[in-house]
């Protein structure tokens, strides 16, 4: 499964890169003396959990079920993306290093700008995977 994912042309990210980005995100948020960054990071983690619950079930749904659930999936994904970008902006404003933001592969020609929706969704999946493994 992992090998198939890495062969996907839609900018896959490795587990090692995801770990690097997620560790730097967490450390950057913790280093900000302002509570806002920590709160936004918590929002990102919650949105990641919510999004992954939807994404893991997606391939088991019928087309009708997908049509019914698509607005909720999109809204949850938007919350994930918004918290990712907002954390970057708050850290930038507060002068806290945030090099993790530029490490995520992106498609410069994409309508969604520098952050590709699918790639941030993939990062959320890694966050949940790593969190679940660490919780054992």
Protein backbone atom coordinates (compact mmCIF):
# COMPACT_ATOMS: atom_id res chain seq x y z
CA UNK A 1 0.00 0.00 0.00
CA UNK A 2 2.71 2.49 0.97
CA UNK A 3 4.68 1.77 -2.20
CA UNK A 4 1.55 2.36 -4.32
CA UNK A 5 1.00 5.67 -2.56
CA UNK A 6 4.58 6.81 -3.19
CA UNK A 7 4.18 6.02 -6.89
CA UNK A 8 1.11 8.30 -7.10
CA UNK A 9 1.72 11.30 -9.38
CA UNK A 10 -0.22 13.64 -7.04
CA UNK A 11 2.80 14.71 -4.99
CA UNK A 12 3.01 12.02 -2.33
CA UNK A 13 5.02 12.69 0.81
CA UNK A 14 7.17 10.14 2.58
CA UNK A 15 6.65 9.11 6.18
CA UNK A 16 10.03 10.64 7.01
CA UNK A 17 9.12 14.01 5.51
CA UNK A 18 5.72 13.97 7.22
CA UNK A 19 7.41 13.23 10.56
CA UNK A 20 9.84 16.10 10.01
CA UNK A 21 7.07 18.56 9.12
CA UNK A 22 4.75 17.48 11.92
CA UNK A 23 7.51 17.59 14.54
CA UNK A 24 8.55 21.06 13.42
CA UNK A 25 4.92 22.23 13.41
CA UNK A 26 4.39 21.02 16.96
CA UNK A 27 7.67 22.52 18.18
CA UNK A 28 7.00 25.86 16.48
CA UNK A 29 3.55 26.11 18.02
CA UNK A 30 4.94 25.23 21.45
CA UNK A 31 7.71 27.85 21.11
CA UNK A 32 5.29 30.71 20.51
CA UNK A 33 4.65 32.56 23.79
CA UNK A 34 1.23 33.49 22.41
CA UNK A 35 -1.52 30.94 23.15
CA UNK A 36 -2.95 31.48 19.66
CA UNK A 37 -0.39 29.25 17.95
CA UNK A 38 -0.93 26.42 20.42
CA UNK A 39 -4.70 26.71 20.05
CA UNK A 40 -4.46 26.67 16.25
CA UNK A 41 -2.17 23.64 16.39
CA UNK A 42 -4.79 21.87 18.56
CA UNK A 43 -7.41 22.85 15.96
CA UNK A 44 -5.20 21.32 13.25
CA UNK A 45 -4.87 18.06 15.22
CA UNK A 46 -8.64 17.86 15.81
CA UNK A 47 -9.38 18.64 12.16
CA UNK A 48 -6.88 15.96 11.12
CA UNK A 49 -8.63 13.34 13.25
CA UNK A 50 -12.04 14.35 11.94
CA UNK A 51 -10.86 14.39 8.32
CA UNK A 52 -9.10 11.02 8.52
CA UNK A 53 -12.24 9.37 9.92
CA UNK A 54 -14.11 10.47 6.81
CA UNK A 55 -11.27 9.69 4.41
CA UNK A 56 -10.69 6.13 5.67
CA UNK A 57 -14.33 5.23 5.04
CA UNK A 58 -14.59 6.96 1.66
CA UNK A 59 -13.76 3.94 -0.52
CA UNK A 60 -16.36 1.83 1.26
CA UNK A 61 -19.23 4.19 0.45
CA UNK A 62 -21.63 3.90 -2.45
CA UNK A 63 -21.82 6.77 -4.94
CA UNK A 64 -25.07 7.96 -3.35
CA UNK A 65 -23.48 7.94 0.10
CA UNK A 66 -20.49 9.86 -1.24
CA UNK A 67 -22.79 12.48 -2.74
CA UNK A 68 -24.57 12.87 0.60
CA UNK A 69 -21.37 13.06 2.62
CA UNK A 70 -19.31 15.16 0.22
CA UNK A 71 -20.32 18.58 1.62
CA UNK A 72 -19.34 17.49 5.13
CA UNK A 73 -16.07 16.01 3.90
CA UNK A 74 -15.24 19.21 2.05
CA UNK A 75 -16.09 21.36 5.08
CA UNK A 76 -13.89 19.22 7.33
CA UNK A 77 -11.06 19.35 4.80
CA UNK A 78 -11.40 23.14 4.64
CA UNK A 79 -11.06 23.35 8.44
CA UNK A 80 -7.88 21.29 8.18
CA UNK A 81 -6.44 23.52 5.45
CA UNK A 82 -7.44 26.72 7.23
CA UNK A 83 -5.77 25.69 10.47
CA UNK A 84 -2.61 24.65 8.59
CA UNK A 85 -2.35 28.01 6.82
CA UNK A 86 -3.42 30.00 9.89
CA UNK A 87 -0.72 28.39 12.04
CA UNK A 88 1.86 29.42 9.45
CA UNK A 89 0.54 32.99 9.41
CA UNK A 90 0.45 33.36 13.21
CA UNK A 91 3.98 32.00 13.59
CA UNK A 92 5.21 34.25 10.80
CA UNK A 93 3.57 37.26 12.47
CA UNK A 94 5.10 36.37 15.84
CA UNK A 95 8.58 35.82 14.38
CA UNK A 96 8.69 32.10 15.24
CA UNK A 97 10.60 29.85 12.80
CA UNK A 98 8.20 27.95 10.57
CA UNK A 99 10.31 26.40 7.83
CA UNK A 100 8.03 23.33 7.93
CA UNK A 101 5.50 25.26 5.84
CA UNK A 102 7.72 25.31 2.76
CA UNK A 103 8.72 21.65 3.03
CA UNK A 104 5.36 20.29 1.96
CA UNK A 105 5.36 19.54 -1.78
CA UNK A 106 2.92 21.62 -3.75
CA UNK A 107 1.72 22.22 -7.27
CA UNK A 108 2.47 25.83 -8.22
CA UNK A 109 -0.10 25.66 -11.02
CA UNK A 110 -2.85 24.53 -8.65
CA UNK A 111 -5.90 26.72 -8.13
CA UNK A 112 -5.57 26.24 -4.38
CA UNK A 113 -2.29 28.13 -4.36
CA UNK A 114 0.93 27.00 -2.73
CA UNK A 115 -0.70 24.39 -0.52
CA UNK A 116 -2.20 21.44 -2.33
CA UNK A 117 -5.39 20.12 -0.74
CA UNK A 118 -4.53 16.46 -1.17
CA UNK A 119 -1.05 16.86 0.28
CA UNK A 120 -2.32 18.51 3.48
CA UNK A 121 -4.89 15.72 3.70
CA UNK A 122 -2.06 13.19 3.41
CA UNK A 123 -0.19 15.01 6.18
CA UNK A 124 -3.29 14.67 8.37
CA UNK A 125 -3.30 10.92 7.74
CA UNK A 126 0.32 10.67 8.86
CA UNK A 127 -0.44 12.71 11.98
CA UNK A 128 -3.20 10.29 12.97
CA UNK A 129 -1.02 7.26 12.13
CA UNK A 130 1.92 8.52 14.17
CA UNK A 131 -0.34 9.57 17.04
CA UNK A 132 -2.04 6.18 17.13
CA UNK A 133 1.27 4.33 17.14
CA UNK A 134 2.70 6.55 19.90
CA UNK A 135 -0.40 5.98 22.04
CA UNK A 136 0.17 2.23 22.36
